[in-house]
Amino acid sequence: GRETVLVERHTREALAAHTQALCERYRDWALQEQA
């Protein structure tokens, strides 16, 4: 029942850059799958 909590603090811009990079890596594959 123990919790181990790890915390980071991020700006909106840093999180946007992280998410944008992941989505760009996936986008071409997703469009291929849609077709």
Full PDB file with SEQRES, HELIX, SHEET, SSBOND, CRYST1, ORIGX, SCALE, CONECT and MASTER records, all heavy atoms in Angstrom:
SEQRES   1 A   35  GLY ARG GLU THR VAL LEU VAL GLU ARG HIS THR ARG GLU          
SEQRES   2 A   35  ALA LEU ALA ALA HIS THR GLN ALA LEU CYS GLU ARG TYR          
SEQRES   3 A   35  ARG ASP TRP ALA LEU GLN GLU GLN ALA                          
HELIX    1 AA1 ARG A   12  GLN A   34  1                                  23    
CRYST1    1.000    1.000    1.000  90.00  90.00  90.00 P 1           1          
ORIGX1      1.000000  0.000000  0.000000        0.00000                         
ORIGX2      0.000000  1.000000  0.000000        0.00000                         
ORIGX3      0.000000  0.000000  1.000000        0.00000                         
SCALE1      1.000000  0.000000  0.000000        0.00000                         
SCALE2      0.000000  1.000000  0.000000        0.00000                         
SCALE3      0.000000  0.000000  1.000000        0.00000                         
ATOM      1  N   GLY A   1       0.798  -1.220   0.000  1.00  0.00           N  
ATOM      2  CA  GLY A   1       0.000   0.000   0.000  1.00  0.00           C  
ATOM      3  C   GLY A   1       0.829   1.268   0.000  1.00  0.00           C  
ATOM      4  O   GLY A   1       0.289   2.374   0.140  1.00  0.00           O  
ATOM      5  N   ARG A   2       2.159   1.148  -0.178  1.00  0.00           N  
ATOM      6  CA  ARG A   2       3.030   2.321  -0.160  1.00  0.00           C  
ATOM      7  C   ARG A   2       3.048   3.015  -1.511  1.00  0.00           C  
ATOM      8  O   ARG A   2       3.024   2.367  -2.560  1.00  0.00           O  
ATOM      9  CB  ARG A   2       4.452   1.940   0.227  1.00  0.00           C  
ATOM     10  CG  ARG A   2       4.623   1.543   1.684  1.00  0.00           C  
ATOM     11  CD  ARG A   2       6.100   1.485   2.059  1.00  0.00           C  
ATOM     12  NE  ARG A   2       6.804   0.477   1.269  1.00  0.00           N  
ATOM     13  CZ  ARG A   2       6.981  -0.777   1.653  1.00  0.00           C  
ATOM     14  NH1 ARG A   2       6.481  -1.195   2.811  1.00  0.00           N  
ATOM     15  NH2 ARG A   2       7.646  -1.629   0.896  1.00  0.00           N  
ATOM     16  N   GLU A   3       3.129   4.355  -1.465  1.00  0.00           N  
ATOM     17  CA  GLU A   3       3.283   5.154  -2.668  1.00  0.00           C  
ATOM     18  C   GLU A   3       4.708   5.692  -2.756  1.00  0.00           C  
ATOM     19  O   GLU A   3       5.261   6.165  -1.755  1.00  0.00           O  
ATOM     20  CB  GLU A   3       2.316   6.340  -2.675  1.00  0.00           C  
ATOM     21  CG  GLU A   3       0.854   5.971  -2.733  1.00  0.00           C  
ATOM     22  CD  GLU A   3      -0.035   7.205  -2.726  1.00  0.00           C  
ATOM     23  OE1 GLU A   3       0.410   8.258  -3.253  1.00  0.00           O  
ATOM     24  OE2 GLU A   3      -1.155   7.130  -2.192  1.00  0.00           O  
ATOM     25  N   THR A   4       5.297   5.622  -3.933  1.00  0.00           N  
ATOM     26  CA  THR A   4       6.560   6.291  -4.218  1.00  0.00           C  
ATOM     27  C   THR A   4       6.251   7.346  -5.269  1.00  0.00           C  
ATOM     28  O   THR A   4       5.830   7.015  -6.381  1.00  0.00           O  
ATOM     29  CB  THR A   4       7.607   5.304  -4.751  1.00  0.00           C  
ATOM     30  OG1 THR A   4       7.814   4.271  -3.783  1.00  0.00           O  
ATOM     31  CG2 THR A   4       8.928   6.006  -5.038  1.00  0.00           C  
ATOM     32  N   VAL A   5       6.433   8.616  -4.924  1.00  0.00           N  
ATOM     33  CA  VAL A   5       6.020   9.713  -5.791  1.00  0.00           C  
ATOM     34  C   VAL A   5       7.254  10.440  -6.316  1.00  0.00           C  
ATOM     35  O   VAL A   5       8.105  10.901  -5.535  1.00  0.00           O  
ATOM     36  CB  VAL A   5       5.098  10.698  -5.046  1.00  0.00           C  
ATOM     37  CG1 VAL A   5       4.624  11.804  -5.992  1.00  0.00           C  
ATOM     38  CG2 VAL A   5       3.895   9.958  -4.453  1.00  0.00           C  
ATOM     39  N   LEU A   6       7.357  10.527  -7.645  1.00  0.00           N  
ATOM     40  CA  LEU A   6       8.433  11.253  -8.310  1.00  0.00           C  
ATOM     41  C   LEU A   6       7.809  12.437  -9.030  1.00  0.00           C  
ATOM     42  O   LEU A   6       6.823  12.277  -9.762  1.00  0.00           O  
ATOM     43  CB  LEU A   6       9.155  10.345  -9.309  1.00  0.00           C  
ATOM     44  CG  LEU A   6       9.628   8.986  -8.773  1.00  0.00           C  
ATOM     45  CD1 LEU A   6      10.218   8.146  -9.897  1.00  0.00           C  
ATOM     46  CD2 LEU A   6      10.641   9.175  -7.646  1.00  0.00           C  
ATOM     47  N   VAL A   7       8.370  13.645  -8.816  1.00  0.00           N  
ATOM     48  CA  VAL A   7       7.729  14.865  -9.322  1.00  0.00           C  
ATOM     49  C   VAL A   7       8.710  15.666 -10.160  1.00  0.00           C  
ATOM     50  O   VAL A   7       9.886  15.822  -9.808  1.00  0.00           O  
ATOM     51  CB  VAL A   7       7.199  15.736  -8.156  1.00  0.00           C  
ATOM     52  CG1 VAL A   7       6.502  16.989  -8.696  1.00  0.00           C  
ATOM     53  CG2 VAL A   7       6.239  14.941  -7.284  1.00  0.00           C  
ATOM     54  N   GLU A   8       8.221  16.179 -11.293  1.00  0.00           N  
ATOM     55  CA  GLU A   8       8.942  17.136 -12.136  1.00  0.00           C  
ATOM     56  C   GLU A   8       8.049  18.370 -12.312  1.00  0.00           C  
ATOM     57  O   GLU A   8       6.818  18.267 -12.228  1.00  0.00           O  
ATOM     58  CB  GLU A   8       9.232  16.567 -13.526  1.00  0.00           C  
ATOM     59  CG  GLU A   8      10.096  15.339 -13.556  1.00  0.00           C  
ATOM     60  CD  GLU A   8      10.254  14.794 -14.974  1.00  0.00           C  
ATOM     61  OE1 GLU A   8       9.407  15.120 -15.836  1.00  0.00           O  
ATOM     62  OE2 GLU A   8      11.214  14.044 -15.205  1.00  0.00           O  
ATOM     63  N   ARG A   9       8.654  19.501 -12.595  1.00  0.00           N  
ATOM     64  CA  ARG A   9       7.879  20.695 -12.943  1.00  0.00           C  
ATOM     65  C   ARG A   9       8.283  21.129 -14.343  1.00  0.00           C  
ATOM     66  O   ARG A   9       9.479  21.207 -14.661  1.00  0.00           O  
ATOM     67  CB  ARG A   9       8.112  21.824 -11.940  1.00  0.00           C  
ATOM     68  CG  ARG A   9       7.243  23.052 -12.226  1.00  0.00           C  
ATOM     69  CD  ARG A   9       7.296  24.062 -11.100  1.00  0.00           C  
ATOM     70  NE  ARG A   9       6.481  25.234 -11.401  1.00  0.00           N  
ATOM     71  CZ  ARG A   9       5.165  25.307 -11.259  1.00  0.00           C  
ATOM     72  NH1 ARG A   9       4.518  24.252 -10.797  1.00  0.00           N  
ATOM     73  NH2 ARG A   9       4.504  26.407 -11.562  1.00  0.00           N  
ATOM     74  N   HIS A  10       7.286  21.372 -15.195  1.00  0.00           N  
ATOM     75  CA  HIS A  10       7.550  21.719 -16.585  1.00  0.00           C  
ATOM     76  C   HIS A  10       6.722  22.917 -17.002  1.00  0.00           C  
ATOM     77  O   HIS A  10       5.579  23.101 -16.552  1.00  0.00           O  
ATOM     78  CB  HIS A  10       7.191  20.546 -17.511  1.00  0.00           C  
ATOM     79  CG  HIS A  10       8.096  19.370 -17.369  1.00  0.00           C  
ATOM     80  ND1 HIS A  10       9.360  19.335 -17.895  1.00  0.00           N  
ATOM     81  CD2 HIS A  10       7.899  18.169 -16.757  1.00  0.00           C  
ATOM     82  CE1 HIS A  10       9.914  18.161 -17.620  1.00  0.00           C  
ATOM     83  NE2 HIS A  10       9.051  17.439 -16.925  1.00  0.00           N  
ATOM     84  N   THR A  11       7.270  23.687 -17.915  1.00  0.00           N  
ATOM     85  CA  THR A  11       6.503  24.766 -18.529  1.00  0.00           C  
ATOM     86  C   THR A  11       5.645  24.197 -19.648  1.00  0.00           C  
ATOM     87  O   THR A  11       5.904  23.109 -20.175  1.00  0.00           O  
ATOM     88  CB  THR A  11       7.424  25.840 -19.114  1.00  0.00           C  
ATOM     89  OG1 THR A  11       8.179  25.256 -20.190  1.00  0.00           O  
ATOM     90  CG2 THR A  11       8.367  26.388 -18.051  1.00  0.00           C  
ATOM     91  N   ARG A  12       4.652  24.973 -20.008  1.00  0.00           N  
ATOM     92  CA  ARG A  12       3.780  24.566 -21.109  1.00  0.00           C  
ATOM     93  C   ARG A  12       4.575  24.401 -22.398  1.00  0.00           C  
ATOM     94  O   ARG A  12       4.355  23.456 -23.161  1.00  0.00           O  
ATOM     95  CB  ARG A  12       2.690  25.624 -21.286  1.00  0.00           C  
ATOM     96  CG  ARG A  12       1.677  25.345 -22.378  1.00  0.00           C  
ATOM     97  CD  ARG A  12       0.622  26.433 -22.350  1.00  0.00           C  
ATOM     98  NE  ARG A  12      -0.429  26.239 -23.327  1.00  0.00           N  
ATOM     99  CZ  ARG A  12      -1.524  26.989 -23.390  1.00  0.00           C  
ATOM    100  NH1 ARG A  12      -1.698  27.973 -22.510  1.00  0.00           N  
ATOM    101  NH2 ARG A  12      -2.450  26.762 -24.307  1.00  0.00           N  
ATOM    102  N   GLU A  13       5.532  25.299 -22.624  1.00  0.00           N  
ATOM    103  CA  GLU A  13       6.320  25.241 -23.855  1.00  0.00           C  
ATOM    104  C   GLU A  13       7.171  23.974 -23.910  1.00  0.00           C  
ATOM    105  O   GLU A  13       7.283  23.331 -24.965  1.00  0.00           O  
ATOM    106  CB  GLU A  13       7.213  26.487 -23.971  1.00  0.00           C  
ATOM    107  CG  GLU A  13       6.472  27.780 -24.237  1.00  0.00           C  
ATOM    108  CD  GLU A  13       5.739  28.307 -22.998  1.00  0.00           C  
ATOM    109  OE1 GLU A  13       6.059  27.855 -21.858  1.00  0.00           O  
ATOM    110  OE2 GLU A  13       4.827  29.140 -23.163  1.00  0.00           O  
ATOM    111  N   ALA A  14       7.781  23.596 -22.794  1.00  0.00           N  
ATOM    112  CA  ALA A  14       8.620  22.390 -22.782  1.00  0.00           C  
ATOM    113  C   ALA A  14       7.781  21.142 -23.034  1.00  0.00           C  
ATOM    114  O   ALA A  14       8.189  20.238 -23.784  1.00  0.00           O  
ATOM    115  CB  ALA A  14       9.350  22.288 -21.443  1.00  0.00           C  
ATOM    116  N   LEU A  15       6.608  21.095 -22.416  1.00  0.00           N  
ATOM    117  CA  LEU A  15       5.734  19.936 -22.622  1.00  0.00           C  
ATOM    118  C   LEU A  15       5.196  19.899 -24.054  1.00  0.00           C  
ATOM    119  O   LEU A  15       5.027  18.821 -24.636  1.00  0.00           O  
ATOM    120  CB  LEU A  15       4.580  19.966 -21.628  1.00  0.00           C  
ATOM    121  CG  LEU A  15       4.976  19.762 -20.157  1.00  0.00           C  
ATOM    122  CD1 LEU A  15       3.781  20.007 -19.245  1.00  0.00           C  
ATOM    123  CD2 LEU A  15       5.536  18.370 -19.920  1.00  0.00           C  
ATOM    124  N   ALA A  16       4.942  21.070 -24.632  1.00  0.00           N  
ATOM    125  CA  ALA A  16       4.480  21.124 -26.024  1.00  0.00           C  
ATOM    126  C   ALA A  16       5.555  20.595 -26.964  1.00  0.00           C  
ATOM    127  O   ALA A  16       5.254  19.845 -27.912  1.00  0.00           O  
ATOM    128  CB  ALA A  16       4.097  22.548 -26.391  1.00  0.00           C  
ATOM    129  N   ALA A  17       6.805  20.964 -26.703  1.00  0.00           N  
ATOM    130  CA  ALA A  17       7.900  20.491 -27.559  1.00  0.00           C  
ATOM    131  C   ALA A  17       8.051  18.974 -27.453  1.00  0.00           C  
ATOM    132  O   ALA A  17       8.272  18.277 -28.452  1.00  0.00           O  
ATOM    133  CB  ALA A  17       9.198  21.199 -27.173  1.00  0.00           C  
ATOM    134  N   HIS A  18       7.932  18.448 -26.238  1.00  0.00           N  
ATOM    135  CA  HIS A  18       8.015  17.000 -26.022  1.00  0.00           C  
ATOM    136  C   HIS A  18       6.908  16.270 -26.783  1.00  0.00           C  
ATOM    137  O   HIS A  18       7.166  15.289 -27.508  1.00  0.00           O  
ATOM    138  CB  HIS A  18       7.896  16.719 -24.520  1.00  0.00           C  
ATOM    139  CG  HIS A  18       7.624  15.288 -24.169  1.00  0.00           C  
ATOM    140  ND1 HIS A  18       8.597  14.318 -24.153  1.00  0.00           N  
ATOM    141  CD2 HIS A  18       6.457  14.663 -23.814  1.00  0.00           C  
ATOM    142  CE1 HIS A  18       8.062  13.164 -23.808  1.00  0.00           C  
ATOM    143  NE2 HIS A  18       6.772  13.345 -23.591  1.00  0.00           N  
ATOM    144  N   THR A  19       5.675  16.760 -26.642  1.00  0.00           N  
ATOM    145  CA  THR A  19       4.540  16.102 -27.289  1.00  0.00           C  
ATOM    146  C   THR A  19       4.613  16.243 -28.802  1.00  0.00           C  
ATOM    147  O   THR A  19       4.314  15.304 -29.547  1.00  0.00           O  
ATOM    148  CB  THR A  19       3.223  16.694 -26.757  1.00  0.00           C  
ATOM    149  OG1 THR A  19       3.219  16.614 -25.326  1.00  0.00           O  
ATOM    150  CG2 THR A  19       2.028  15.952 -27.314  1.00  0.00           C  
ATOM    151  N   GLN A  20       5.023  17.437 -29.269  1.00  0.00           N  
ATOM    152  CA  GLN A  20       5.148  17.662 -30.713  1.00  0.00           C  
ATOM    153  C   GLN A  20       6.141  16.682 -31.326  1.00  0.00           C  
ATOM    154  O   GLN A  20       5.892  16.110 -32.397  1.00  0.00           O  
ATOM    155  CB  GLN A  20       5.618  19.102 -30.958  1.00  0.00           C  
ATOM    156  CG  GLN A  20       5.849  19.453 -32.413  1.00  0.00           C  
ATOM    157  CD  GLN A  20       4.625  20.061 -33.065  1.00  0.00           C  
ATOM    158  OE1 GLN A  20       3.638  20.323 -32.386  1.00  0.00           O  
ATOM    159  NE2 GLN A  20       4.681  20.259 -34.373  1.00  0.00           N  
ATOM    160  N   ALA A  21       7.252  16.440 -30.664  1.00  0.00           N  
ATOM    161  CA  ALA A  21       8.265  15.526 -31.198  1.00  0.00           C  
ATOM    162  C   ALA A  21       7.720  14.109 -31.314  1.00  0.00           C  
ATOM    163  O   ALA A  21       7.955  13.411 -32.304  1.00  0.00           O  
ATOM    164  CB  ALA A  21       9.508  15.553 -30.309  1.00  0.00           C  
ATOM    165  N   LEU A  22       6.974  13.668 -30.301  1.00  0.00           N  
ATOM    166  CA  LEU A  22       6.390  12.331 -30.358  1.00  0.00           C  
ATOM    167  C   LEU A  22       5.366  12.225 -31.486  1.00  0.00           C  
ATOM    168  O   LEU A  22       5.342  11.235 -32.232  1.00  0.00           O  
ATOM    169  CB  LEU A  22       5.718  11.992 -29.027  1.00  0.00           C  
ATOM    170  CG  LEU A  22       6.621  11.850 -27.797  1.00  0.00           C  
ATOM    171  CD1 LEU A  22       5.774  11.567 -26.557  1.00  0.00           C  
ATOM    172  CD2 LEU A  22       7.649  10.754 -27.988  1.00  0.00           C  
ATOM    173  N   CYS A  23       4.523  13.237 -31.625  1.00  0.00           N  
ATOM    174  CA  CYS A  23       3.484  13.196 -32.654  1.00  0.00           C  
ATOM    175  C   CYS A  23       4.089  13.234 -34.052  1.00  0.00           C  
ATOM    176  O   CYS A  23       3.591  12.551 -34.963  1.00  0.00           O  
ATOM    177  CB  CYS A  23       2.514  14.354 -32.461  1.00  0.00           C  
ATOM    178  SG  CYS A  23       1.433  14.167 -31.010  1.00  0.00           S  
ATOM    179  N   GLU A  24       5.136  13.986 -34.240  1.00  0.00           N  
ATOM    180  CA  GLU A  24       5.780  14.027 -35.559  1.00  0.00           C  
ATOM    181  C   GLU A  24       6.410  12.682 -35.896  1.00  0.00           C  
ATOM    182  O   GLU A  24       6.420  12.258 -37.047  1.00  0.00           O  
ATOM    183  CB  GLU A  24       6.824  15.140 -35.591  1.00  0.00           C  
ATOM    184  CG  GLU A  24       6.198  16.536 -35.618  1.00  0.00           C  
ATOM    185  CD  GLU A  24       7.244  17.642 -35.546  1.00  0.00           C  
ATOM    186  OE1 GLU A  24       8.437  17.318 -35.327  1.00  0.00           O  
ATOM    187  OE2 GLU A  24       6.859  18.819 -35.683  1.00  0.00           O  
ATOM    188  N   ARG A  25       6.919  11.992 -34.878  1.00  0.00           N  
ATOM    189  CA  ARG A  25       7.500  10.673 -35.094  1.00  0.00           C  
ATOM    190  C   ARG A  25       6.432   9.656 -35.498  1.00  0.00           C  
ATOM    191  O   ARG A  25       6.713   8.703 -36.217  1.00  0.00           O  
ATOM    192  CB  ARG A  25       8.192  10.225 -33.806  1.00  0.00           C  
ATOM    193  CG  ARG A  25       9.353   9.253 -33.995  1.00  0.00           C  
ATOM    194  CD  ARG A  25      10.088   9.050 -32.679  1.00  0.00           C  
ATOM    195  NE  ARG A  25      10.651  10.301 -32.196  1.00  0.00           N  
ATOM    196  CZ  ARG A  25      10.999  10.524 -30.930  1.00  0.00           C  
ATOM    197  NH1 ARG A  25      10.814   9.581 -30.017  1.00  0.00           N  
ATOM    198  NH2 ARG A  25      11.512  11.678 -30.579  1.00  0.00           N  
ATOM    199  N   TYR A  26       5.206   9.877 -35.045  1.00  0.00           N  
ATOM    200  CA  TYR A  26       4.124   8.929 -35.293  1.00  0.00           C  
ATOM    201  C   TYR A  26       3.264   9.292 -36.506  1.00  0.00           C  
ATOM    202  O   TYR A  26       2.609   8.428 -37.090  1.00  0.00           O  
ATOM    203  CB  TYR A  26       3.240   8.866 -34.044  1.00  0.00           C  
ATOM    204  CG  TYR A  26       2.084   7.910 -34.130  1.00  0.00           C  
ATOM    205  CD1 TYR A  26       2.289   6.533 -34.099  1.00  0.00           C  
ATOM    206  CD2 TYR A  26       0.779   8.379 -34.241  1.00  0.00           C  
ATOM    207  CE1 TYR A  26       1.226   5.650 -34.177  1.00  0.00           C  
ATOM    208  CE2 TYR A  26      -0.295   7.499 -34.313  1.00  0.00           C  
ATOM    209  CZ  TYR A  26      -0.058   6.141 -34.282  1.00  0.00           C  
ATOM    210  OH  TYR A  26      -1.110   5.268 -34.359  1.00  0.00           O  
ATOM    211  N   ARG A  27       3.285  10.563 -36.926  1.00  0.00           N  
ATOM    212  CA  ARG A  27       2.298  11.067 -37.887  1.00  0.00           C  
ATOM    213  C   ARG A  27       2.305  10.316 -39.213  1.00  0.00           C  
ATOM    214  O   ARG A  27       1.254   9.909 -39.717  1.00  0.00           O  
ATOM    215  CB  ARG A  27       2.528  12.555 -38.139  1.00  0.00           C  
ATOM    216  CG  ARG A  27       1.538  13.178 -39.127  1.00  0.00           C  
ATOM    217  CD  ARG A  27       1.845  14.646 -39.295  1.00  0.00           C  
ATOM    218  NE  ARG A  27       3.242  14.827 -39.678  1.00  0.00           N  
ATOM    219  CZ  ARG A  27       3.981  15.902 -39.366  1.00  0.00           C  
ATOM    220  NH1 ARG A  27       3.433  16.872 -38.649  1.00  0.00           N  
ATOM    221  NH2 ARG A  27       5.229  16.002 -39.759  1.00  0.00           N  
ATOM    222  N   ASP A  28       3.470  10.123 -39.815  1.00  0.00           N  
ATOM    223  CA  ASP A  28       3.524   9.460 -41.123  1.00  0.00           C  
ATOM    224  C   ASP A  28       2.972   8.040 -41.039  1.00  0.00           C  
ATOM    225  O   ASP A  28       2.268   7.570 -41.944  1.00  0.00           O  
ATOM    226  CB  ASP A  28       4.953   9.438 -41.660  1.00  0.00           C  
ATOM    227  CG  ASP A  28       5.430  10.823 -42.092  1.00  0.00           C  
ATOM    228  OD1 ASP A  28       4.566  11.728 -42.222  1.00  0.00           O  
ATOM    229  OD2 ASP A  28       6.645  11.005 -42.287  1.00  0.00           O  
ATOM    230  N   TRP A  29       3.313   7.361 -39.957  1.00  0.00           N  
ATOM    231  CA  TRP A  29       2.791   6.011 -39.775  1.00  0.00           C  
ATOM    232  C   TRP A  29       1.268   6.050 -39.636  1.00  0.00           C  
ATOM    233  O   TRP A  29       0.557   5.224 -40.223  1.00  0.00           O  
ATOM    234  CB  TRP A  29       3.419   5.377 -38.543  1.00  0.00           C  
ATOM    235  CG  TRP A  29       2.964   3.965 -38.306  1.00  0.00           C  
ATOM    236  CD1 TRP A  29       1.898   3.569 -37.558  1.00  0.00           C  
ATOM    237  CD2 TRP A  29       3.515   2.775 -38.850  1.00  0.00           C  
ATOM    238  NE1 TRP A  29       1.764   2.201 -37.578  1.00  0.00           N  
ATOM    239  CE2 TRP A  29       2.747   1.689 -38.367  1.00  0.00           C  
ATOM    240  CE3 TRP A  29       4.599   2.521 -39.678  1.00  0.00           C  
ATOM    241  CZ2 TRP A  29       3.017   0.363 -38.697  1.00  0.00           C  
ATOM    242  CZ3 TRP A  29       4.875   1.189 -40.013  1.00  0.00           C  
ATOM    243  CH2 TRP A  29       4.095   0.135 -39.535  1.00  0.00           C  
ATOM    244  N   ALA A  30       0.751   7.006 -38.879  1.00  0.00           N  
ATOM    245  CA  ALA A  30      -0.692   7.107 -38.679  1.00  0.00           C  
ATOM    246  C   ALA A  30      -1.413   7.374 -39.992  1.00  0.00           C  
ATOM    247  O   ALA A  30      -2.478   6.798 -40.265  1.00  0.00           O  
ATOM    248  CB  ALA A  30      -1.002   8.209 -37.670  1.00  0.00           C  
ATOM    249  N   LEU A  31      -0.862   8.253 -40.832  1.00  0.00           N  
ATOM    250  CA  LEU A  31      -1.480   8.527 -42.129  1.00  0.00           C  
ATOM    251  C   LEU A  31      -1.444   7.286 -43.020  1.00  0.00           C  
ATOM    252  O   LEU A  31      -2.397   7.000 -43.750  1.00  0.00           O  
ATOM    253  CB  LEU A  31      -0.766   9.701 -42.803  1.00  0.00           C  
ATOM    254  CG  LEU A  31      -0.970  11.058 -42.118  1.00  0.00           C  
ATOM    255  CD1 LEU A  31      -0.031  12.097 -42.712  1.00  0.00           C  
ATOM    256  CD2 LEU A  31      -2.425  11.513 -42.235  1.00  0.00           C  
ATOM    257  N   GLN A  32      -0.340   6.537 -42.953  1.00  0.00           N  
ATOM    258  CA  GLN A  32      -0.249   5.284 -43.704  1.00  0.00           C  
ATOM    259  C   GLN A  32      -1.316   4.302 -43.238  1.00  0.00           C  
ATOM    260  O   GLN A  32      -1.966   3.635 -44.059  1.00  0.00           O  
ATOM    261  CB  GLN A  32       1.136   4.671 -43.506  1.00  0.00           C  
ATOM    262  CG  GLN A  32       1.267   3.222 -43.979  1.00  0.00           C  
ATOM    263  CD  GLN A  32       2.513   2.554 -43.440  1.00  0.00           C  
ATOM    264  OE1 GLN A  32       3.609   2.864 -43.886  1.00  0.00           O  
ATOM    265  NE2 GLN A  32       2.337   1.650 -42.475  1.00  0.00           N  
ATOM    266  N   GLU A  33      -1.508   4.192 -41.929  1.00  0.00           N  
ATOM    267  CA  GLU A  33      -2.510   3.275 -41.390  1.00  0.00           C  
ATOM    268  C   GLU A  33      -3.922   3.705 -41.768  1.00  0.00           C  
ATOM    269  O   GLU A  33      -4.785   2.870 -42.037  1.00  0.00           O  
ATOM    270  CB  GLU A  33      -2.373   3.181 -39.866  1.00  0.00           C  
ATOM    271  CG  GLU A  33      -1.114   2.483 -39.414  1.00  0.00           C  
ATOM    272  CD  GLU A  33      -1.004   1.083 -40.001  1.00  0.00           C  
ATOM    273  OE1 GLU A  33      -1.821   0.227 -39.615  1.00  0.00           O  
ATOM    274  OE2 GLU A  33      -0.136   0.860 -40.843  1.00  0.00           O  
ATOM    275  N   GLN A  34      -4.157   4.991 -41.809  1.00  0.00           N  
ATOM    276  CA  GLN A  34      -5.466   5.495 -42.212  1.00  0.00           C  
ATOM    277  C   GLN A  34      -5.762   5.119 -43.663  1.00  0.00           C  
ATOM    278  O   GLN A  34      -6.866   4.670 -43.995  1.00  0.00           O  
ATOM    279  CB  GLN A  34      -5.499   7.011 -42.031  1.00  0.00           C  
ATOM    280  CG  GLN A  34      -6.867   7.633 -42.084  1.00  0.00           C  
ATOM    281  CD  GLN A  34      -6.800   9.118 -41.810  1.00  0.00           C  
ATOM    282  OE1 GLN A  34      -6.082   9.861 -42.482  1.00  0.00           O  
ATOM    283  NE2 GLN A  34      -7.548   9.573 -40.806  1.00  0.00           N  
ATOM    284  N   ALA A  35      -4.735   5.275 -44.535  1.00  0.00           N  
ATOM    285  CA  ALA A  35      -4.905   4.901 -45.942  1.00  0.00           C  
ATOM    286  C   ALA A  35      -5.078   3.390 -46.092  1.00  0.00           C  
ATOM    287  O   ALA A  35      -5.873   2.917 -46.914  1.00  0.00           O  
ATOM    288  CB  ALA A  35      -3.701   5.387 -46.749  1.00  0.00           C  
TER     289      ALA A  35                                                      
MASTER        0    0    0    1    0    0    0    6  288    1    0    3          
END                                                                             
